[in-house]
Amino acid sequence: MGLKPKSERQRPLLPQHARHCPVLEAANGLGYLIYPPLEKHEAFHVEYHGDGTYVFKYFHRGPDGKWVMIFQVTSHLPVGSVGAIREEVTFGVPDPPVDEEGALRVAGTFVVRQDLGTPAGGVTLRGAWNFKTPPGWDTVYFPVLNMIERPVAPALVVRVETDWYPHDTEIRYVLQPGEGLPGARGMAIGQAAFLPREETELVECTPEEVEKLREEKEEFLQRKAEERIATPYGLDYSPHYAKRSRDIREGRAGSDDAPTEG
């Protein structure tokens, strides 16, 4: 169930000029977008009402194309973290396809119920697919990069040693009272990227290396200024960075003479 992870460089709601920024698109495409385990006719919405109260709503789309709430699960966390969690199931249709126990299991497919309230307002969404990395490689889970439309819920970034630990794909958001998170089949809930676990050593450049970097930067800026393209929308931009990067990846230019920005 759910779309497979994929790399996507576009962000539909970014301004037009961002579509011609290769470094921004490269950041967008870092790793893979994560989708919830939903079919086309399914959707959910999870809300934080404050004071330890969370509401999960599960929807189906009918033959007429309209969304109908099948059930909602209201979770009440104990005050002061002492006591039992109370969960109430309310059905939105007269003949629901699941009973109360089934509704709780369905809710747990999309939201990690035991993680609610860690920290206050915390909601952990499950991804449809998990990852197993080669020895020495970790998986980093984070929200969708460069999704800047308001409101934006903050999320916790997690790095897991998935070469030996069978970790489920989870994206951990933190909501304020009154905020909610939607879930749909084609709506990414986060991203995952992979990093080697080996240590990185930082060394200072020699004066000669610093001077070389300055020369390369000046050369890059000069070539960038010489190559300009005007779009039909009146935007003026340079494709030099993207062209140079493509040439190097395809072996048409040596890495030694590639201009870099210090």
C-alpha atoms as a PDB file:
ATOM      1  CA  MET A   1       0.000   0.000   0.000  1.00  0.00           C
ATOM      2  CA  GLY A   2       1.167   3.537  -0.673  1.00  0.00           C
ATOM      3  CA  LEU A   3       3.425   5.081  -3.293  1.00  0.00           C
ATOM      4  CA  LYS A   4       7.045   3.967  -3.442  1.00  0.00           C
ATOM      5  CA  PRO A   5       9.706   6.490  -2.347  1.00  0.00           C
ATOM      6  CA  LYS A   6      10.882   8.721  -5.172  1.00  0.00           C
ATOM      7  CA  SER A   7      13.229  11.637  -5.819  1.00  0.00           C
ATOM      8  CA  GLU A   8      11.495  14.852  -6.879  1.00  0.00           C
ATOM      9  CA  ARG A   9      13.273  18.163  -7.589  1.00  0.00           C
ATOM     10  CA  GLN A  10      10.207  20.343  -8.117  1.00  0.00           C
ATOM     11  CA  ARG A  11       8.153  22.072  -5.443  1.00  0.00           C
ATOM     12  CA  PRO A  12       4.929  23.282  -7.116  1.00  0.00           C
ATOM     13  CA  LEU A  13       4.286  26.199  -4.771  1.00  0.00           C
ATOM     14  CA  LEU A  14       7.776  27.730  -4.947  1.00  0.00           C
ATOM     15  CA  PRO A  15       8.127  31.012  -6.875  1.00  0.00           C
ATOM     16  CA  GLN A  16       8.887  30.832 -10.593  1.00  0.00           C
ATOM     17  CA  HIS A  17      12.519  31.930 -10.213  1.00  0.00           C
ATOM     18  CA  ALA A  18      13.180  28.969  -7.884  1.00  0.00           C
ATOM     19  CA  ARG A  19      12.557  26.598 -10.799  1.00  0.00           C
ATOM     20  CA  HIS A  20      15.749  27.862 -12.458  1.00  0.00           C
ATOM     21  CA  CYS A  21      17.942  27.473  -9.348  1.00  0.00           C
ATOM     22  CA  PRO A  22      19.898  24.215  -9.787  1.00  0.00           C
ATOM     23  CA  VAL A  23      21.272  24.159  -6.246  1.00  0.00           C
ATOM     24  CA  LEU A  24      17.759  24.555  -4.826  1.00  0.00           C
ATOM     25  CA  GLU A  25      16.432  21.775  -7.035  1.00  0.00           C
ATOM     26  CA  ALA A  26      19.347  19.565  -6.006  1.00  0.00           C
ATOM     27  CA  ALA A  27      18.390  20.083  -2.361  1.00  0.00           C
ATOM     28  CA  ASN A  28      14.749  19.268  -3.138  1.00  0.00           C
ATOM     29  CA  GLY A  29      15.836  15.997  -4.721  1.00  0.00           C
ATOM     30  CA  LEU A  30      18.005  14.944  -1.773  1.00  0.00           C
ATOM     31  CA  GLY A  31      17.123  11.363  -0.925  1.00  0.00           C
ATOM     32  CA  TYR A  32      13.548  10.209  -1.457  1.00  0.00           C
ATOM     33  CA  LEU A  33      10.088  11.529  -0.696  1.00  0.00           C
ATOM     34  CA  ILE A  34       8.127   9.390   1.771  1.00  0.00           C
ATOM     35  CA  TYR A  35       4.405   8.722   1.302  1.00  0.00           C
ATOM     36  CA  PRO A  36       1.807   7.334   3.739  1.00  0.00           C
ATOM     37  CA  PRO A  37       0.440   3.786   3.289  1.00  0.00           C
ATOM     38  CA  LEU A  38      -2.809   4.924   1.645  1.00  0.00           C
ATOM     39  CA  GLU A  39      -4.858   3.817  -1.344  1.00  0.00           C
ATOM     40  CA  LYS A  40      -6.413   6.349  -3.731  1.00  0.00           C
ATOM     41  CA  HIS A  41      -9.774   6.220  -1.969  1.00  0.00           C
ATOM     42  CA  GLU A  42      -8.306   6.760   1.521  1.00  0.00           C
ATOM     43  CA  ALA A  43      -7.261   9.859   3.473  1.00  0.00           C
ATOM     44  CA  PHE A  44      -6.749  10.890   7.086  1.00  0.00           C
ATOM     45  CA  HIS A  45      -6.357  13.967   9.244  1.00  0.00           C
ATOM     46  CA  VAL A  46      -4.709  14.046  12.661  1.00  0.00           C
ATOM     47  CA  GLU A  47      -5.202  17.007  15.001  1.00  0.00           C
ATOM     48  CA  TYR A  48      -3.764  18.194  18.303  1.00  0.00           C
ATOM     49  CA  HIS A  49      -6.325  19.933  20.528  1.00  0.00           C
ATOM     50  CA  GLY A  50      -3.990  20.693  23.413  1.00  0.00           C
ATOM     51  CA  ASP A  51      -3.951  19.299  26.966  1.00  0.00           C
ATOM     52  CA  GLY A  52      -2.904  15.879  25.707  1.00  0.00           C
ATOM     53  CA  THR A  53      -5.885  15.415  23.354  1.00  0.00           C
ATOM     54  CA  TYR A  54      -5.367  14.104  19.811  1.00  0.00           C
ATOM     55  CA  VAL A  55      -8.005  13.355  17.159  1.00  0.00           C
ATOM     56  CA  PHE A  56      -7.430  11.011  14.211  1.00  0.00           C
ATOM     57  CA  LYS A  57     -10.034  11.036  11.400  1.00  0.00           C
ATOM     58  CA  TYR A  58     -10.176   8.400   8.659  1.00  0.00           C
ATOM     59  CA  PHE A  59     -11.937   9.122   5.344  1.00  0.00           C
ATOM     60  CA  HIS A  60     -13.126   7.165   2.303  1.00  0.00           C
ATOM     61  CA  ARG A  61     -14.013   8.651  -1.073  1.00  0.00           C
ATOM     62  CA  GLY A  62     -17.339   7.398  -2.343  1.00  0.00           C
ATOM     63  CA  PRO A  63     -18.461   6.670  -5.919  1.00  0.00           C
ATOM     64  CA  ASP A  64     -19.680  10.277  -6.200  1.00  0.00           C
ATOM     65  CA  GLY A  65     -16.151  11.565  -5.464  1.00  0.00           C
ATOM     66  CA  LYS A  66     -17.082  13.022  -2.068  1.00  0.00           C
ATOM     67  CA  TRP A  67     -15.051  12.274   1.057  1.00  0.00           C
ATOM     68  CA  VAL A  68     -16.889  10.675   3.966  1.00  0.00           C
ATOM     69  CA  MET A  69     -15.490  10.317   7.472  1.00  0.00           C
ATOM     70  CA  ILE A  70     -15.657   6.623   8.420  1.00  0.00           C
ATOM     71  CA  PHE A  71     -14.521   7.052  12.022  1.00  0.00           C
ATOM     72  CA  GLN A  72     -12.458   9.165  14.359  1.00  0.00           C
ATOM     73  CA  VAL A  73     -10.281   8.143  17.286  1.00  0.00           C
ATOM     74  CA  THR A  74      -9.896  10.634  20.133  1.00  0.00           C
ATOM     75  CA  SER A  75      -6.902   9.948  22.383  1.00  0.00           C
ATOM     76  CA  HIS A  76      -6.600  11.550  25.825  1.00  0.00           C
ATOM     77  CA  LEU A  77      -3.138  11.374  27.352  1.00  0.00           C
ATOM     78  CA  PRO A  78      -2.967  11.394  31.158  1.00  0.00           C
ATOM     79  CA  VAL A  79      -2.181  14.701  32.826  1.00  0.00           C
ATOM     80  CA  GLY A  80       1.380  14.676  34.160  1.00  0.00           C
ATOM     81  CA  SER A  81       2.119  11.417  32.279  1.00  0.00           C
ATOM     82  CA  VAL A  82       0.529   9.397  35.103  1.00  0.00           C
ATOM     83  CA  GLY A  83      -2.404   7.130  34.336  1.00  0.00           C
ATOM     84  CA  ALA A  84      -3.881   5.274  31.387  1.00  0.00           C
ATOM     85  CA  ILE A  85      -4.437   6.634  27.878  1.00  0.00           C
ATOM     86  CA  ARG A  86      -8.152   6.885  27.079  1.00  0.00           C
ATOM     87  CA  GLU A  87      -9.212   6.247  23.475  1.00  0.00           C
ATOM     88  CA  GLU A  88     -12.704   6.878  22.179  1.00  0.00           C
ATOM     89  CA  VAL A  89     -13.935   5.718  18.762  1.00  0.00           C
ATOM     90  CA  THR A  90     -16.772   7.560  17.025  1.00  0.00           C
ATOM     91  CA  PHE A  91     -18.224   6.389  13.723  1.00  0.00           C
ATOM     92  CA  GLY A  92     -19.378   8.760  10.976  1.00  0.00           C
ATOM     93  CA  VAL A  93     -21.447   6.281   8.935  1.00  0.00           C
ATOM     94  CA  PRO A  94     -24.393   4.128  10.035  1.00  0.00           C
ATOM     95  CA  ASP A  95     -22.870   0.808   8.946  1.00  0.00           C
ATOM     96  CA  PRO A  96     -19.071   1.112   9.425  1.00  0.00           C
ATOM     97  CA  PRO A  97     -16.810  -1.498   7.794  1.00  0.00           C
ATOM     98  CA  VAL A  98     -14.820  -1.973  11.048  1.00  0.00           C
ATOM     99  CA  ASP A  99     -15.583  -2.241  14.745  1.00  0.00           C
ATOM    100  CA  GLU A 100     -13.882  -0.208  17.479  1.00  0.00           C
ATOM    101  CA  GLU A 101     -10.901  -2.559  17.709  1.00  0.00           C
ATOM    102  CA  GLY A 102     -10.496  -2.504  13.931  1.00  0.00           C
ATOM    103  CA  ALA A 103     -10.658   1.295  13.908  1.00  0.00           C
ATOM    104  CA  LEU A 104      -7.805   1.459  16.430  1.00  0.00           C
ATOM    105  CA  ARG A 105      -5.729  -0.898  14.284  1.00  0.00           C
ATOM    106  CA  VAL A 106      -6.377   1.222  11.181  1.00  0.00           C
ATOM    107  CA  ALA A 107      -5.385   4.402  13.032  1.00  0.00           C
ATOM    108  CA  GLY A 108      -2.181   2.679  14.164  1.00  0.00           C
ATOM    109  CA  THR A 109      -1.319   1.961  10.527  1.00  0.00           C
ATOM    110  CA  PHE A 110      -0.863   5.671   9.839  1.00  0.00           C
ATOM    111  CA  VAL A 111       0.044   7.156  13.241  1.00  0.00           C
ATOM    112  CA  VAL A 112       2.315   5.635  15.913  1.00  0.00           C
ATOM    113  CA  ARG A 113      -0.184   5.883  18.751  1.00  0.00           C
ATOM    114  CA  GLN A 114       2.340   5.137  21.513  1.00  0.00           C
ATOM    115  CA  ASP A 115       4.441   8.145  20.397  1.00  0.00           C
ATOM    116  CA  LEU A 116       1.649  10.704  20.835  1.00  0.00           C
ATOM    117  CA  GLY A 117       2.712  13.506  23.142  1.00  0.00           C
ATOM    118  CA  THR A 118       6.460  12.879  22.812  1.00  0.00           C
ATOM    119  CA  PRO A 119       7.097  15.805  23.124  1.00  0.00           C
ATOM    120  CA  ALA A 120       3.870  17.735  23.781  1.00  0.00           C
ATOM    121  CA  GLY A 121       2.065  17.988  20.451  1.00  0.00           C
ATOM    122  CA  GLY A 122       4.203  15.226  18.959  1.00  0.00           C
ATOM    123  CA  VAL A 123       2.653  13.155  16.156  1.00  0.00           C
ATOM    124  CA  THR A 124       4.598  10.389  14.401  1.00  0.00           C
ATOM    125  CA  LEU A 125       3.416   9.531  10.867  1.00  0.00           C
ATOM    126  CA  ARG A 126       4.268   6.154   9.332  1.00  0.00           C
ATOM    127  CA  GLY A 127       5.721   5.815   5.843  1.00  0.00           C
ATOM    128  CA  ALA A 128       4.569   3.172   3.383  1.00  0.00           C
ATOM    129  CA  TRP A 129       8.060   1.704   2.772  1.00  0.00           C
ATOM    130  CA  ASN A 130      11.075   0.973   4.993  1.00  0.00           C
ATOM    131  CA  PHE A 131      14.794   0.996   4.166  1.00  0.00           C
ATOM    132  CA  LYS A 132      17.681  -1.415   4.660  1.00  0.00           C
ATOM    133  CA  THR A 133      21.110   0.162   4.062  1.00  0.00           C
ATOM    134  CA  PRO A 134      24.503  -1.442   3.306  1.00  0.00           C
ATOM    135  CA  PRO A 135      27.029  -1.851   6.145  1.00  0.00           C
ATOM    136  CA  GLY A 136      28.271   1.493   7.457  1.00  0.00           C
ATOM    137  CA  TRP A 137      25.349   3.534   6.059  1.00  0.00           C
ATOM    138  CA  ASP A 138      22.598   5.312   8.036  1.00  0.00           C
ATOM    139  CA  THR A 139      19.154   6.624   7.064  1.00  0.00           C
ATOM    140  CA  VAL A 140      18.207  10.207   7.984  1.00  0.00           C
ATOM    141  CA  TYR A 141      14.490  11.028   8.232  1.00  0.00           C
ATOM    142  CA  PHE A 142      13.301  14.650   7.970  1.00  0.00           C
ATOM    143  CA  PRO A 143      10.345  16.753   6.739  1.00  0.00           C
ATOM    144  CA  VAL A 144       9.884  17.620   3.075  1.00  0.00           C
ATOM    145  CA  LEU A 145      12.588  20.143   2.165  1.00  0.00           C
ATOM    146  CA  ASN A 146      11.665  23.612   0.884  1.00  0.00           C
ATOM    147  CA  MET A 147       7.948  23.280   1.565  1.00  0.00           C
ATOM    148  CA  ILE A 148       7.631  26.872   2.702  1.00  0.00           C
ATOM    149  CA  GLU A 149       3.897  27.567   2.464  1.00  0.00           C
ATOM    150  CA  ARG A 150       2.366  28.508   5.819  1.00  0.00           C
ATOM    151  CA  PRO A 151       1.613  27.063   8.250  1.00  0.00           C
ATOM    152  CA  VAL A 152       4.652  24.798   8.494  1.00  0.00           C
ATOM    153  CA  ALA A 153       4.739  22.309  11.358  1.00  0.00           C
ATOM    154  CA  PRO A 154       8.257  21.675  12.731  1.00  0.00           C
ATOM    155  CA  ALA A 155       9.574  18.131  12.698  1.00  0.00           C
ATOM    156  CA  LEU A 156      12.318  16.231  14.485  1.00  0.00           C
ATOM    157  CA  VAL A 157      15.205  14.942  12.353  1.00  0.00           C
ATOM    158  CA  VAL A 158      16.221  11.355  13.139  1.00  0.00           C
ATOM    159  CA  ARG A 159      19.304   9.400  12.042  1.00  0.00           C
ATOM    160  CA  VAL A 160      19.117   5.609  12.376  1.00  0.00           C
ATOM    161  CA  GLU A 161      21.714   2.874  11.757  1.00  0.00           C
ATOM    162  CA  THR A 162      19.499   0.977   9.325  1.00  0.00           C
ATOM    163  CA  ASP A 163      22.272  -1.379   8.257  1.00  0.00           C
ATOM    164  CA  TRP A 164      21.556  -3.495  11.371  1.00  0.00           C
ATOM    165  CA  TYR A 165      18.444  -2.005  13.010  1.00  0.00           C
ATOM    166  CA  PRO A 166      15.083  -2.821  11.311  1.00  0.00           C
ATOM    167  CA  HIS A 167      13.606   0.653  11.752  1.00  0.00           C
ATOM    168  CA  ASP A 168      10.155   1.572  10.475  1.00  0.00           C
ATOM    169  CA  THR A 169      10.016   4.729   8.369  1.00  0.00           C
ATOM    170  CA  GLU A 170       8.557   7.426  10.619  1.00  0.00           C
ATOM    171  CA  ILE A 171       8.375  11.229  10.397  1.00  0.00           C
ATOM    172  CA  ARG A 172       7.949  12.990  13.738  1.00  0.00           C
ATOM    173  CA  TYR A 173       6.050  16.287  13.687  1.00  0.00           C
ATOM    174  CA  VAL A 174       5.328  18.594  16.613  1.00  0.00           C
ATOM    175  CA  LEU A 175       1.988  20.433  16.478  1.00  0.00           C
ATOM    176  CA  GLN A 176       0.663  23.408  18.353  1.00  0.00           C
ATOM    177  CA  PRO A 177      -2.864  23.278  19.831  1.00  0.00           C
ATOM    178  CA  GLY A 178      -5.360  23.675  17.001  1.00  0.00           C
ATOM    179  CA  GLU A 179      -2.985  22.435  14.292  1.00  0.00           C
ATOM    180  CA  GLY A 180      -3.423  19.303  12.187  1.00  0.00           C
ATOM    181  CA  LEU A 181      -1.726  17.192   9.532  1.00  0.00           C
ATOM    182  CA  PRO A 182      -3.489  15.793   6.434  1.00  0.00           C
ATOM    183  CA  GLY A 183      -2.634  12.508   4.778  1.00  0.00           C
ATOM    184  CA  ALA A 184      -3.367  11.486   1.180  1.00  0.00           C
ATOM    185  CA  ARG A 185      -1.868   8.935  -1.203  1.00  0.00           C
ATOM    186  CA  GLY A 186       0.031  11.464  -3.325  1.00  0.00           C
ATOM    187  CA  MET A 187       0.979  13.818  -0.474  1.00  0.00           C
ATOM    188  CA  ALA A 188       4.519  13.275   0.823  1.00  0.00           C
ATOM    189  CA  ILE A 189       4.865  13.259   4.606  1.00  0.00           C
ATOM    190  CA  GLY A 190       8.663  13.591   4.684  1.00  0.00           C
ATOM    191  CA  GLN A 191      11.974  12.623   3.128  1.00  0.00           C
ATOM    192  CA  ALA A 192      14.765  10.130   3.749  1.00  0.00           C
ATOM    193  CA  ALA A 193      18.421  10.324   2.722  1.00  0.00           C
ATOM    194  CA  PHE A 194      21.392   8.031   3.271  1.00  0.00           C
ATOM    195  CA  LEU A 195      24.796   8.899   4.736  1.00  0.00           C
ATOM    196  CA  PRO A 196      27.989   6.923   5.414  1.00  0.00           C
ATOM    197  CA  ARG A 197      28.835   6.584   9.100  1.00  0.00           C
ATOM    198  CA  GLU A 198      32.561   7.263   8.679  1.00  0.00           C
ATOM    199  CA  GLU A 199      33.965  10.306  10.431  1.00  0.00           C
ATOM    200  CA  THR A 200      34.682  13.512   8.505  1.00  0.00           C
ATOM    201  CA  GLU A 201      37.967  15.322   9.102  1.00  0.00           C
ATOM    202  CA  LEU A 202      38.155  19.086   8.552  1.00  0.00           C
ATOM    203  CA  VAL A 203      41.513  20.596   7.517  1.00  0.00           C
ATOM    204  CA  GLU A 204      42.443  24.198   6.823  1.00  0.00           C
ATOM    205  CA  CYS A 205      43.297  25.305   3.308  1.00  0.00           C
ATOM    206  CA  THR A 206      46.827  26.444   2.573  1.00  0.00           C
ATOM    207  CA  PRO A 207      47.286  30.014   1.261  1.00  0.00           C
ATOM    208  CA  GLU A 208      47.865  28.550  -2.194  1.00  0.00           C
ATOM    209  CA  GLU A 209      44.601  26.600  -2.056  1.00  0.00           C
ATOM    210  CA  VAL A 210      42.706  29.685  -0.885  1.00  0.00           C
ATOM    211  CA  GLU A 211      44.087  31.687  -3.787  1.00  0.00           C
ATOM    212  CA  LYS A 212      43.121  28.921  -6.221  1.00  0.00           C
ATOM    213  CA  LEU A 213      39.581  28.937  -4.851  1.00  0.00           C
ATOM    214  CA  ARG A 214      39.372  32.699  -5.377  1.00  0.00           C
ATOM    215  CA  GLU A 215      40.538  32.373  -8.954  1.00  0.00           C
ATOM    216  CA  GLU A 216      38.034  29.599  -9.650  1.00  0.00           C
ATOM    217  CA  LYS A 217      35.224  31.652  -8.160  1.00  0.00           C
ATOM    218  CA  GLU A 218      36.090  34.668 -10.298  1.00  0.00           C
ATOM    219  CA  GLU A 219      36.189  32.468 -13.397  1.00  0.00           C
ATOM    220  CA  PHE A 220      32.835  30.929 -12.498  1.00  0.00           C
ATOM    221  CA  LEU A 221      31.181  34.321 -11.955  1.00  0.00           C
ATOM    222  CA  GLN A 222      32.568  35.621 -15.249  1.00  0.00           C
ATOM    223  CA  ARG A 223      31.226  32.657 -17.228  1.00  0.00           C
ATOM    224  CA  LYS A 224      27.922  32.887 -15.386  1.00  0.00           C
ATOM    225  CA  ALA A 225      27.604  36.541 -16.386  1.00  0.00           C
ATOM    226  CA  GLU A 226      28.381  35.697 -20.022  1.00  0.00           C
ATOM    227  CA  GLU A 227      25.633  33.051 -20.241  1.00  0.00           C
ATOM    228  CA  ARG A 228      22.224  34.582 -19.600  1.00  0.00           C
ATOM    229  CA  ILE A 229      18.764  33.443 -20.645  1.00  0.00           C
ATOM    230  CA  ALA A 230      15.537  35.437 -20.473  1.00  0.00           C
ATOM    231  CA  THR A 231      12.329  33.523 -19.776  1.00  0.00           C
ATOM    232  CA  PRO A 232       8.893  34.478 -21.189  1.00  0.00           C
ATOM    233  CA  TYR A 233       8.034  35.749 -17.695  1.00  0.00           C
ATOM    234  CA  GLY A 234      10.826  38.311 -17.746  1.00  0.00           C
ATOM    235  CA  LEU A 235      13.164  36.379 -15.495  1.00  0.00           C
ATOM    236  CA  ASP A 236      16.861  36.582 -16.335  1.00  0.00           C
ATOM    237  CA  TYR A 237      19.028  33.667 -15.212  1.00  0.00           C
ATOM    238  CA  SER A 238      22.215  31.781 -16.074  1.00  0.00           C
ATOM    239  CA  PRO A 239      22.282  28.043 -16.900  1.00  0.00           C
ATOM    240  CA  HIS A 240      26.080  27.844 -16.457  1.00  0.00           C
ATOM    241  CA  TYR A 241      26.059  25.967 -13.137  1.00  0.00           C
ATOM    242  CA  ALA A 242      23.554  23.376 -14.363  1.00  0.00           C
ATOM    243  CA  LYS A 243      25.404  22.851 -17.656  1.00  0.00           C
ATOM    244  CA  ARG A 244      28.777  22.506 -15.940  1.00  0.00           C
ATOM    245  CA  SER A 245      27.396  20.060 -13.406  1.00  0.00           C
ATOM    246  CA  ARG A 246      25.831  17.961 -16.154  1.00  0.00           C
ATOM    247  CA  ASP A 247      29.064  17.932 -18.173  1.00  0.00           C
ATOM    248  CA  ILE A 248      31.068  16.713 -15.181  1.00  0.00           C
ATOM    249  CA  ARG A 249      28.546  13.973 -14.320  1.00  0.00           C
ATOM    250  CA  GLU A 250      28.519  12.757 -17.925  1.00  0.00           C
ATOM    251  CA  GLY A 251      32.307  12.821 -18.216  1.00  0.00           C
ATOM    252  CA  ARG A 252      32.528  15.654 -20.720  1.00  0.00           C
ATOM    253  CA  ALA A 253      34.671  17.782 -18.392  1.00  0.00           C
ATOM    254  CA  GLY A 254      37.417  16.871 -15.924  1.00  0.00           C
ATOM    255  CA  SER A 255      36.793  17.515 -12.250  1.00  0.00           C
ATOM    256  CA  ASP A 256      40.164  19.271 -11.936  1.00  0.00           C
ATOM    257  CA  ASP A 257      39.108  22.219 -14.082  1.00  0.00           C
ATOM    258  CA  ALA A 258      35.568  22.424 -12.723  1.00  0.00           C
ATOM    259  CA  PRO A 259      34.907  25.837 -11.150  1.00  0.00           C
ATOM    260  CA  THR A 260      33.904  25.696  -7.500  1.00  0.00           C
ATOM    261  CA  GLU A 261      32.601  28.198  -5.036  1.00  0.00           C
ATOM    262  CA  GLY A 262      34.591  28.388  -1.819  1.00  0.00           C
END
